[in-house]
Amino acid sequence: MKELNIFYYATIWSFIIGICCATYLNLINFIINFVWHVLFDKLPVPSQALPFFICIPFGFIIGILIKRLGSYPLTIEEVLMSVKQEFQQV
């Protein structure tokens, strides 16, 4: 009986996680298509210049955020180092 309950929980959660992932990926695909094919087709700018209008400002924004917040997400080495330090303190 316990194995059957675990199977049901795993099946239900796998379905929920799959729906969430599919929804997220479809949303990202919609946003990318909207920005690059709908929004930029209406701008009077040559298509070769569009990546510069996106990448340069957002590159500065990312640089400022990294300077203020630090680099995220943490690398696996940083995570393992913090775990080792926590175990040494205990």
PDB file of N, CA and C in Angstrom:
ATOM      1  N   MET A   1       0.819  -1.201   0.000  1.00  0.00           N
ATOM      2  CA  MET A   1       0.000   0.000   0.000  1.00  0.00           C
ATOM      3  C   MET A   1       0.860   1.261   0.000  1.00  0.00           C
ATOM      4  N   LYS A   2       1.945   1.232   0.814  1.00  0.00           N
ATOM      5  CA  LYS A   2       2.824   2.386   0.904  1.00  0.00           C
ATOM      6  C   LYS A   2       3.509   2.657  -0.437  1.00  0.00           C
ATOM      7  N   GLU A   3       3.927   1.592  -1.139  1.00  0.00           N
ATOM      8  CA  GLU A   3       4.572   1.747  -2.438  1.00  0.00           C
ATOM      9  C   GLU A   3       3.606   2.347  -3.456  1.00  0.00           C
ATOM     10  N   LEU A   4       2.346   1.987  -3.357  1.00  0.00           N
ATOM     11  CA  LEU A   4       1.339   2.521  -4.276  1.00  0.00           C
ATOM     12  C   LEU A   4       1.121   4.011  -4.023  1.00  0.00           C
ATOM     13  N   ASN A   5       1.106   4.415  -2.756  1.00  0.00           N
ATOM     14  CA  ASN A   5       0.978   5.838  -2.432  1.00  0.00           C
ATOM     15  C   ASN A   5       2.170   6.634  -2.953  1.00  0.00           C
ATOM     16  N   ILE A   6       3.365   6.090  -2.786  1.00  0.00           N
ATOM     17  CA  ILE A   6       4.560   6.772  -3.295  1.00  0.00           C
ATOM     18  C   ILE A   6       4.472   6.910  -4.809  1.00  0.00           C
ATOM     19  N   PHE A   7       4.007   5.866  -5.478  1.00  0.00           N
ATOM     20  CA  PHE A   7       3.851   5.923  -6.928  1.00  0.00           C
ATOM     21  C   PHE A   7       2.856   7.014  -7.332  1.00  0.00           C
ATOM     22  N   TYR A   8       1.741   7.120  -6.629  1.00  0.00           N
ATOM     23  CA  TYR A   8       0.743   8.143  -6.938  1.00  0.00           C
ATOM     24  C   TYR A   8       1.296   9.549  -6.694  1.00  0.00           C
ATOM     25  N   TYR A   9       1.980   9.734  -5.563  1.00  0.00           N
ATOM     26  CA  TYR A   9       2.570  11.046  -5.283  1.00  0.00           C
ATOM     27  C   TYR A   9       3.592  11.419  -6.347  1.00  0.00           C
ATOM     28  N   ALA A  10       4.456  10.474  -6.713  1.00  0.00           N
ATOM     29  CA  ALA A  10       5.481  10.748  -7.718  1.00  0.00           C
ATOM     30  C   ALA A  10       4.845  11.069  -9.067  1.00  0.00           C
ATOM     31  N   THR A  11       3.799  10.356  -9.419  1.00  0.00           N
ATOM     32  CA  THR A  11       3.120  10.597 -10.684  1.00  0.00           C
ATOM     33  C   THR A  11       2.456  11.969 -10.707  1.00  0.00           C
ATOM     34  N   ILE A  12       1.763  12.298  -9.647  1.00  0.00           N
ATOM     35  CA  ILE A  12       1.064  13.595  -9.587  1.00  0.00           C
ATOM     36  C   ILE A  12       2.065  14.746  -9.600  1.00  0.00           C
ATOM     37  N   TRP A  13       3.123  14.658  -8.786  1.00  0.00           N
ATOM     38  CA  TRP A  13       4.107  15.741  -8.743  1.00  0.00           C
ATOM     39  C   TRP A  13       4.876  15.849 -10.059  1.00  0.00           C
ATOM     40  N   SER A  14       5.159  14.729 -10.694  1.00  0.00           N
ATOM     41  CA  SER A  14       5.829  14.772 -11.994  1.00  0.00           C
ATOM     42  C   SER A  14       4.956  15.468 -13.027  1.00  0.00           C
ATOM     43  N   PHE A  15       3.672  15.198 -12.983  1.00  0.00           N
ATOM     44  CA  PHE A  15       2.739  15.849 -13.907  1.00  0.00           C
ATOM     45  C   PHE A  15       2.681  17.350 -13.638  1.00  0.00           C
ATOM     46  N   ILE A  16       2.592  17.746 -12.373  1.00  0.00           N
ATOM     47  CA  ILE A  16       2.526  19.168 -12.017  1.00  0.00           C
ATOM     48  C   ILE A  16       3.819  19.880 -12.431  1.00  0.00           C
ATOM     49  N   ILE A  17       4.959  19.279 -12.152  1.00  0.00           N
ATOM     50  CA  ILE A  17       6.238  19.885 -12.519  1.00  0.00           C
ATOM     51  C   ILE A  17       6.370  19.970 -14.033  1.00  0.00           C
ATOM     52  N   GLY A  18       5.929  18.956 -14.742  1.00  0.00           N
ATOM     53  CA  GLY A  18       5.969  18.981 -16.202  1.00  0.00           C
ATOM     54  C   GLY A  18       5.101  20.088 -16.781  1.00  0.00           C
ATOM     55  N   ILE A  19       3.922  20.278 -16.224  1.00  0.00           N
ATOM     56  CA  ILE A  19       3.034  21.359 -16.679  1.00  0.00           C
ATOM     57  C   ILE A  19       3.682  22.718 -16.413  1.00  0.00           C
ATOM     58  N   CYS A  20       4.268  22.888 -15.230  1.00  0.00           N
ATOM     59  CA  CYS A  20       4.923  24.167 -14.903  1.00  0.00           C
ATOM     60  C   CYS A  20       6.098  24.440 -15.834  1.00  0.00           C
ATOM     61  N   CYS A  21       6.912  23.435 -16.099  1.00  0.00           N
ATOM     62  CA  CYS A  21       8.056  23.614 -17.001  1.00  0.00           C
ATOM     63  C   CYS A  21       7.596  23.936 -18.418  1.00  0.00           C
ATOM     64  N   ALA A  22       6.578  23.240 -18.907  1.00  0.00           N
ATOM     65  CA  ALA A  22       6.069  23.505 -20.252  1.00  0.00           C
ATOM     66  C   ALA A  22       5.486  24.905 -20.350  1.00  0.00           C
ATOM     67  N   THR A  23       4.780  25.329 -19.324  1.00  0.00           N
ATOM     68  CA  THR A  23       4.217  26.683 -19.309  1.00  0.00           C
ATOM     69  C   THR A  23       5.326  27.729 -19.322  1.00  0.00           C
ATOM     70  N   TYR A  24       6.347  27.524 -18.511  1.00  0.00           N
ATOM     71  CA  TYR A  24       7.470  28.453 -18.464  1.00  0.00           C
ATOM     72  C   TYR A  24       8.177  28.537 -19.816  1.00  0.00           C
ATOM     73  N   LEU A  25       8.463  27.394 -20.427  1.00  0.00           N
ATOM     74  CA  LEU A  25       9.156  27.390 -21.713  1.00  0.00           C
ATOM     75  C   LEU A  25       8.314  28.028 -22.813  1.00  0.00           C
ATOM     76  N   ASN A  26       7.015  27.799 -22.804  1.00  0.00           N
ATOM     77  CA  ASN A  26       6.151  28.444 -23.791  1.00  0.00           C
ATOM     78  C   ASN A  26       6.098  29.951 -23.581  1.00  0.00           C
ATOM     79  N   LEU A  27       6.086  30.396 -22.333  1.00  0.00           N
ATOM     80  CA  LEU A  27       6.101  31.827 -22.046  1.00  0.00           C
ATOM     81  C   LEU A  27       7.394  32.472 -22.530  1.00  0.00           C
ATOM     82  N   ILE A  28       8.518  31.839 -22.270  1.00  0.00           N
ATOM     83  CA  ILE A  28       9.804  32.362 -22.723  1.00  0.00           C
ATOM     84  C   ILE A  28       9.848  32.408 -24.244  1.00  0.00           C
ATOM     85  N   ASN A  29       9.349  31.380 -24.903  1.00  0.00           N
ATOM     86  CA  ASN A  29       9.313  31.352 -26.361  1.00  0.00           C
ATOM     87  C   ASN A  29       8.431  32.477 -26.905  1.00  0.00           C
ATOM     88  N   PHE A  30       7.297  32.715 -26.261  1.00  0.00           N
ATOM     89  CA  PHE A  30       6.412  33.806 -26.678  1.00  0.00           C
ATOM     90  C   PHE A  30       7.095  35.160 -26.530  1.00  0.00           C
ATOM     91  N   ILE A  31       7.775  35.367 -25.409  1.00  0.00           N
ATOM     92  CA  ILE A  31       8.451  36.648 -25.177  1.00  0.00           C
ATOM     93  C   ILE A  31       9.564  36.863 -26.193  1.00  0.00           C
ATOM     94  N   ILE A  32      10.349  35.833 -26.473  1.00  0.00           N
ATOM     95  CA  ILE A  32      11.424  35.957 -27.457  1.00  0.00           C
ATOM     96  C   ILE A  32      10.858  36.284 -28.831  1.00  0.00           C
ATOM     97  N   ASN A  33       9.819  35.575 -29.246  1.00  0.00           N
ATOM     98  CA  ASN A  33       9.209  35.856 -30.547  1.00  0.00           C
ATOM     99  C   ASN A  33       8.611  37.255 -30.593  1.00  0.00           C
ATOM    100  N   PHE A  34       8.007  37.686 -29.498  1.00  0.00           N
ATOM    101  CA  PHE A  34       7.416  39.015 -29.469  1.00  0.00           C
ATOM    102  C   PHE A  34       8.486  40.090 -29.607  1.00  0.00           C
ATOM    103  N   VAL A  35       9.560  39.956 -28.837  1.00  0.00           N
ATOM    104  CA  VAL A  35      10.606  40.985 -28.857  1.00  0.00           C
ATOM    105  C   VAL A  35      11.306  41.031 -30.212  1.00  0.00           C
ATOM    106  N   TRP A  36      11.705  39.876 -30.746  1.00  0.00           N
ATOM    107  CA  TRP A  36      12.540  39.876 -31.942  1.00  0.00           C
ATOM    108  C   TRP A  36      11.738  39.935 -33.236  1.00  0.00           C
ATOM    109  N   HIS A  37      10.486  39.512 -33.234  1.00  0.00           N
ATOM    110  CA  HIS A  37       9.743  39.455 -34.499  1.00  0.00           C
ATOM    111  C   HIS A  37       8.573  40.425 -34.570  1.00  0.00           C
ATOM    112  N   VAL A  38       7.982  40.758 -33.465  1.00  0.00           N
ATOM    113  CA  VAL A  38       6.841  41.675 -33.491  1.00  0.00           C
ATOM    114  C   VAL A  38       7.290  43.090 -33.163  1.00  0.00           C
ATOM    115  N   LEU A  39       7.958  43.242 -32.050  1.00  0.00           N
ATOM    116  CA  LEU A  39       8.359  44.575 -31.594  1.00  0.00           C
ATOM    117  C   LEU A  39       9.396  45.204 -32.520  1.00  0.00           C
ATOM    118  N   PHE A  40      10.433  44.465 -32.864  1.00  0.00           N
ATOM    119  CA  PHE A  40      11.508  45.050 -33.659  1.00  0.00           C
ATOM    120  C   PHE A  40      11.149  45.205 -35.128  1.00  0.00           C
ATOM    121  N   ASP A  41      10.160  44.484 -35.622  1.00  0.00           N
ATOM    122  CA  ASP A  41       9.733  44.684 -37.010  1.00  0.00           C
ATOM    123  C   ASP A  41       9.077  46.043 -37.199  1.00  0.00           C
ATOM    124  N   LYS A  42       8.584  46.629 -36.116  1.00  0.00           N
ATOM    125  CA  LYS A  42       7.912  47.922 -36.209  1.00  0.00           C
ATOM    126  C   LYS A  42       8.864  49.094 -36.004  1.00  0.00           C
ATOM    127  N   LEU A  43      10.096  48.828 -35.588  1.00  0.00           N
ATOM    128  CA  LEU A  43      11.063  49.891 -35.370  1.00  0.00           C
ATOM    129  C   LEU A  43      11.779  50.238 -36.674  1.00  0.00           C
ATOM    130  N   PRO A  44      12.059  51.519 -36.888  1.00  0.00           N
ATOM    131  CA  PRO A  44      12.756  51.912 -38.118  1.00  0.00           C
ATOM    132  C   PRO A  44      14.276  51.783 -37.982  1.00  0.00           C
ATOM    133  N   VAL A  45      14.729  50.636 -37.524  1.00  0.00           N
ATOM    134  CA  VAL A  45      16.150  50.392 -37.310  1.00  0.00           C
ATOM    135  C   VAL A  45      16.538  49.160 -38.120  1.00  0.00           C
ATOM    136  N   PRO A  46      17.707  49.170 -38.775  1.00  0.00           N
ATOM    137  CA  PRO A  46      18.123  47.970 -39.499  1.00  0.00           C
ATOM    138  C   PRO A  46      18.278  46.765 -38.562  1.00  0.00           C
ATOM    139  N   SER A  47      17.949  45.616 -39.042  1.00  0.00           N
ATOM    140  CA  SER A  47      17.943  44.421 -38.192  1.00  0.00           C
ATOM    141  C   SER A  47      19.340  44.061 -37.696  1.00  0.00           C
ATOM    142  N   GLN A  48      20.388  44.486 -38.402  1.00  0.00           N
ATOM    143  CA  GLN A  48      21.744  44.183 -37.941  1.00  0.00           C
ATOM    144  C   GLN A  48      22.105  44.979 -36.684  1.00  0.00           C
ATOM    145  N   ALA A  49      21.459  46.100 -36.454  1.00  0.00           N
ATOM    146  CA  ALA A  49      21.775  46.937 -35.293  1.00  0.00           C
ATOM    147  C   ALA A  49      20.971  46.559 -34.056  1.00  0.00           C
ATOM    148  N   LEU A  50      19.943  45.761 -34.205  1.00  0.00           N
ATOM    149  CA  LEU A  50      19.069  45.445 -33.077  1.00  0.00           C
ATOM    150  C   LEU A  50      19.775  44.735 -31.925  1.00  0.00           C
ATOM    151  N   PRO A  51      20.652  43.771 -32.176  1.00  0.00           N
ATOM    152  CA  PRO A  51      21.327  43.144 -31.029  1.00  0.00           C
ATOM    153  C   PRO A  51      22.116  44.141 -30.180  1.00  0.00           C
ATOM    154  N   PHE A  52      22.667  45.175 -30.810  1.00  0.00           N
ATOM    155  CA  PHE A  52      23.404  46.171 -30.039  1.00  0.00           C
ATOM    156  C   PHE A  52      22.476  46.970 -29.128  1.00  0.00           C
ATOM    157  N   PHE A  53      21.265  47.240 -29.600  1.00  0.00           N
ATOM    158  CA  PHE A  53      20.311  47.982 -28.780  1.00  0.00           C
ATOM    159  C   PHE A  53      19.826  47.164 -27.590  1.00  0.00           C
ATOM    160  N   ILE A  54      19.904  45.858 -27.691  1.00  0.00           N
ATOM    161  CA  ILE A  54      19.494  44.987 -26.594  1.00  0.00           C
ATOM    162  C   ILE A  54      20.688  44.636 -25.709  1.00  0.00           C
ATOM    163  N   CYS A  55      21.758  44.192 -26.318  1.00  0.00           N
ATOM    164  CA  CYS A  55      22.877  43.631 -25.553  1.00  0.00           C
ATOM    165  C   CYS A  55      23.673  44.673 -24.785  1.00  0.00           C
ATOM    166  N   ILE A  56      23.902  45.826 -25.367  1.00  0.00           N
ATOM    167  CA  ILE A  56      24.729  46.824 -24.683  1.00  0.00           C
ATOM    168  C   ILE A  56      24.052  47.355 -23.416  1.00  0.00           C
ATOM    169  N   PRO A  57      22.798  47.833 -23.463  1.00  0.00           N
ATOM    170  CA  PRO A  57      22.197  48.320 -22.209  1.00  0.00           C
ATOM    171  C   PRO A  57      22.031  47.230 -21.152  1.00  0.00           C
ATOM    172  N   PHE A  58      21.584  46.038 -21.588  1.00  0.00           N
ATOM    173  CA  PHE A  58      21.393  44.977 -20.607  1.00  0.00           C
ATOM    174  C   PHE A  58      22.723  44.434 -20.097  1.00  0.00           C
ATOM    175  N   GLY A  59      23.778  44.515 -20.901  1.00  0.00           N
ATOM    176  CA  GLY A  59      25.109  44.156 -20.426  1.00  0.00           C
ATOM    177  C   GLY A  59      25.556  45.063 -19.305  1.00  0.00           C
ATOM    178  N   PHE A  60      25.290  46.377 -19.455  1.00  0.00           N
ATOM    179  CA  PHE A  60      25.617  47.309 -18.370  1.00  0.00           C
ATOM    180  C   PHE A  60      24.774  47.021 -17.130  1.00  0.00           C
ATOM    181  N   ILE A  61      23.506  46.730 -17.321  1.00  0.00           N
ATOM    182  CA  ILE A  61      22.633  46.430 -16.178  1.00  0.00           C
ATOM    183  C   ILE A  61      23.121  45.180 -15.448  1.00  0.00           C
ATOM    184  N   ILE A  62      23.476  44.142 -16.200  1.00  0.00           N
ATOM    185  CA  ILE A  62      23.973  42.912 -15.585  1.00  0.00           C
ATOM    186  C   ILE A  62      25.282  43.179 -14.855  1.00  0.00           C
ATOM    187  N   GLY A  63      26.169  43.977 -15.470  1.00  0.00           N
ATOM    188  CA  GLY A  63      27.431  44.315 -14.809  1.00  0.00           C
ATOM    189  C   GLY A  63      27.223  45.054 -13.505  1.00  0.00           C
ATOM    190  N   ILE A  64      26.301  46.008 -13.493  1.00  0.00           N
ATOM    191  CA  ILE A  64      26.015  46.759 -12.269  1.00  0.00           C
ATOM    192  C   ILE A  64      25.433  45.836 -11.200  1.00  0.00           C
ATOM    193  N   LEU A  65      24.515  44.948 -11.599  1.00  0.00           N
ATOM    194  CA  LEU A  65      23.926  44.018 -10.627  1.00  0.00           C
ATOM    195  C   LEU A  65      24.962  43.066 -10.055  1.00  0.00           C
ATOM    196  N   ILE A  66      25.874  42.583 -10.899  1.00  0.00           N
ATOM    197  CA  ILE A  66      26.921  41.684 -10.402  1.00  0.00           C
ATOM    198  C   ILE A  66      27.843  42.430  -9.447  1.00  0.00           C
ATOM    199  N   LYS A  67      28.141  43.695  -9.757  1.00  0.00           N
ATOM    200  CA  LYS A  67      29.008  44.481  -8.876  1.00  0.00           C
ATOM    201  C   LYS A  67      28.351  44.708  -7.519  1.00  0.00           C
ATOM    202  N   ARG A  68      27.044  44.962  -7.515  1.00  0.00           N
ATOM    203  CA  ARG A  68      26.345  45.257  -6.260  1.00  0.00           C
ATOM    204  C   ARG A  68      25.938  43.996  -5.494  1.00  0.00           C
ATOM    205  N   LEU A  69      25.483  42.966  -6.200  1.00  0.00           N
ATOM    206  CA  LEU A  69      24.945  41.775  -5.538  1.00  0.00           C
ATOM    207  C   LEU A  69      25.917  40.604  -5.494  1.00  0.00           C
ATOM    208  N   GLY A  70      26.948  40.628  -6.301  1.00  0.00           N
ATOM    209  CA  GLY A  70      27.834  39.482  -6.413  1.00  0.00           C
ATOM    210  C   GLY A  70      27.343  38.579  -7.533  1.00  0.00           C
ATOM    211  N   SER A  71      28.153  37.599  -7.874  1.00  0.00           N
ATOM    212  CA  SER A  71      27.771  36.738  -8.990  1.00  0.00           C
ATOM    213  C   SER A  71      26.819  35.649  -8.512  1.00  0.00           C
ATOM    214  N   TYR A  72      25.703  35.572  -9.129  1.00  0.00           N
ATOM    215  CA  TYR A  72      24.700  34.551  -8.854  1.00  0.00           C
ATOM    216  C   TYR A  72      24.319  33.903 -10.157  1.00  0.00           C
ATOM    217  N   PRO A  73      23.973  32.684 -10.211  1.00  0.00           N
ATOM    218  CA  PRO A  73      23.919  31.714  -9.119  1.00  0.00           C
ATOM    219  C   PRO A  73      25.326  31.283  -8.725  1.00  0.00           C
ATOM    220  N   LEU A  74      25.415  30.722  -7.540  1.00  0.00           N
ATOM    221  CA  LEU A  74      26.701  30.266  -7.046  1.00  0.00           C
ATOM    222  C   LEU A  74      27.192  29.080  -7.853  1.00  0.00           C
ATOM    223  N   THR A  75      28.496  28.973  -7.993  1.00  0.00           N
ATOM    224  CA  THR A  75      29.056  27.812  -8.670  1.00  0.00           C
ATOM    225  C   THR A  75      29.007  26.620  -7.722  1.00  0.00           C
ATOM    226  N   ILE A  76      29.192  25.437  -8.262  1.00  0.00           N
ATOM    227  CA  ILE A  76      29.141  24.229  -7.440  1.00  0.00           C
ATOM    228  C   ILE A  76      30.275  24.230  -6.420  1.00  0.00           C
ATOM    229  N   GLU A  77      31.425  24.803  -6.789  1.00  0.00           N
ATOM    230  CA  GLU A  77      32.536  24.876  -5.848  1.00  0.00           C
ATOM    231  C   GLU A  77      32.180  25.769  -4.655  1.00  0.00           C
ATOM    232  N   GLU A  78      31.525  26.888  -4.903  1.00  0.00           N
ATOM    233  CA  GLU A  78      31.127  27.786  -3.818  1.00  0.00           C
ATOM    234  C   GLU A  78      30.097  27.132  -2.904  1.00  0.00           C
ATOM    235  N   VAL A  79      29.166  26.395  -3.482  1.00  0.00           N
ATOM    236  CA  VAL A  79      28.151  25.705  -2.677  1.00  0.00           C
ATOM    237  C   VAL A  79      28.798  24.636  -1.812  1.00  0.00           C
ATOM    238  N   LEU A  80      29.688  23.841  -2.406  1.00  0.00           N
ATOM    239  CA  LEU A  80      30.349  22.785  -1.635  1.00  0.00           C
ATOM    240  C   LEU A  80      31.222  23.367  -0.534  1.00  0.00           C
ATOM    241  N   MET A  81      31.882  24.500  -0.810  1.00  0.00           N
ATOM    242  CA  MET A  81      32.713  25.143   0.213  1.00  0.00           C
ATOM    243  C   MET A  81      31.854  25.619   1.384  1.00  0.00           C
ATOM    244  N   SER A  82      30.701  26.210   1.108  1.00  0.00           N
ATOM    245  CA  SER A  82      29.835  26.668   2.202  1.00  0.00           C
ATOM    246  C   SER A  82      29.278  25.490   2.996  1.00  0.00           C
ATOM    247  N   VAL A  83      28.979  24.389   2.321  1.00  0.00           N
ATOM    248  CA  VAL A  83      28.483  23.199   3.035  1.00  0.00           C
ATOM    249  C   VAL A  83      29.573  22.649   3.937  1.00  0.00           C
ATOM    250  N   LYS A  84      30.815  22.584   3.433  1.00  0.00           N
ATOM    251  CA  LYS A  84      31.919  22.077   4.254  1.00  0.00           C
ATOM    252  C   LYS A  84      32.152  22.963   5.463  1.00  0.00           C
ATOM    253  N   GLN A  85      32.058  24.284   5.281  1.00  0.00           N
ATOM    254  CA  GLN A  85      32.245  25.198   6.399  1.00  0.00           C
ATOM    255  C   GLN A  85      31.148  25.036   7.454  1.00  0.00           C
ATOM    256  N   GLU A  86      29.922  24.803   7.009  1.00  0.00           N
ATOM    257  CA  GLU A  86      28.815  24.608   7.952  1.00  0.00           C
ATOM    258  C   GLU A  86      29.004  23.320   8.752  1.00  0.00           C
ATOM    259  N   PHE A  87      29.478  22.264   8.083  1.00  0.00           N
ATOM    260  CA  PHE A  87      29.697  20.997   8.799  1.00  0.00           C
ATOM    261  C   PHE A  87      30.862  21.101   9.763  1.00  0.00           C
ATOM    262  N   GLN A  88      31.866  21.901   9.449  1.00  0.00           N
ATOM    263  CA  GLN A  88      33.001  22.056  10.345  1.00  0.00           C
ATOM    264  C   GLN A  88      32.619  22.825  11.596  1.00  0.00           C
ATOM    265  N   GLN A  89      31.645  23.722  11.483  1.00  0.00           N
ATOM    266  CA  GLN A  89      31.207  24.514  12.629  1.00  0.00           C
ATOM    267  C   GLN A  89      30.349  23.688  13.589  1.00  0.00           C
ATOM    268  N   VAL A  90      29.706  22.656  13.081  1.00  0.00           N
ATOM    269  CA  VAL A  90      28.803  21.853  13.906  1.00  0.00           C
ATOM    270  C   VAL A  90      29.544  20.854  14.722  1.00  0.00           C
TER     271      VAL A  90
END
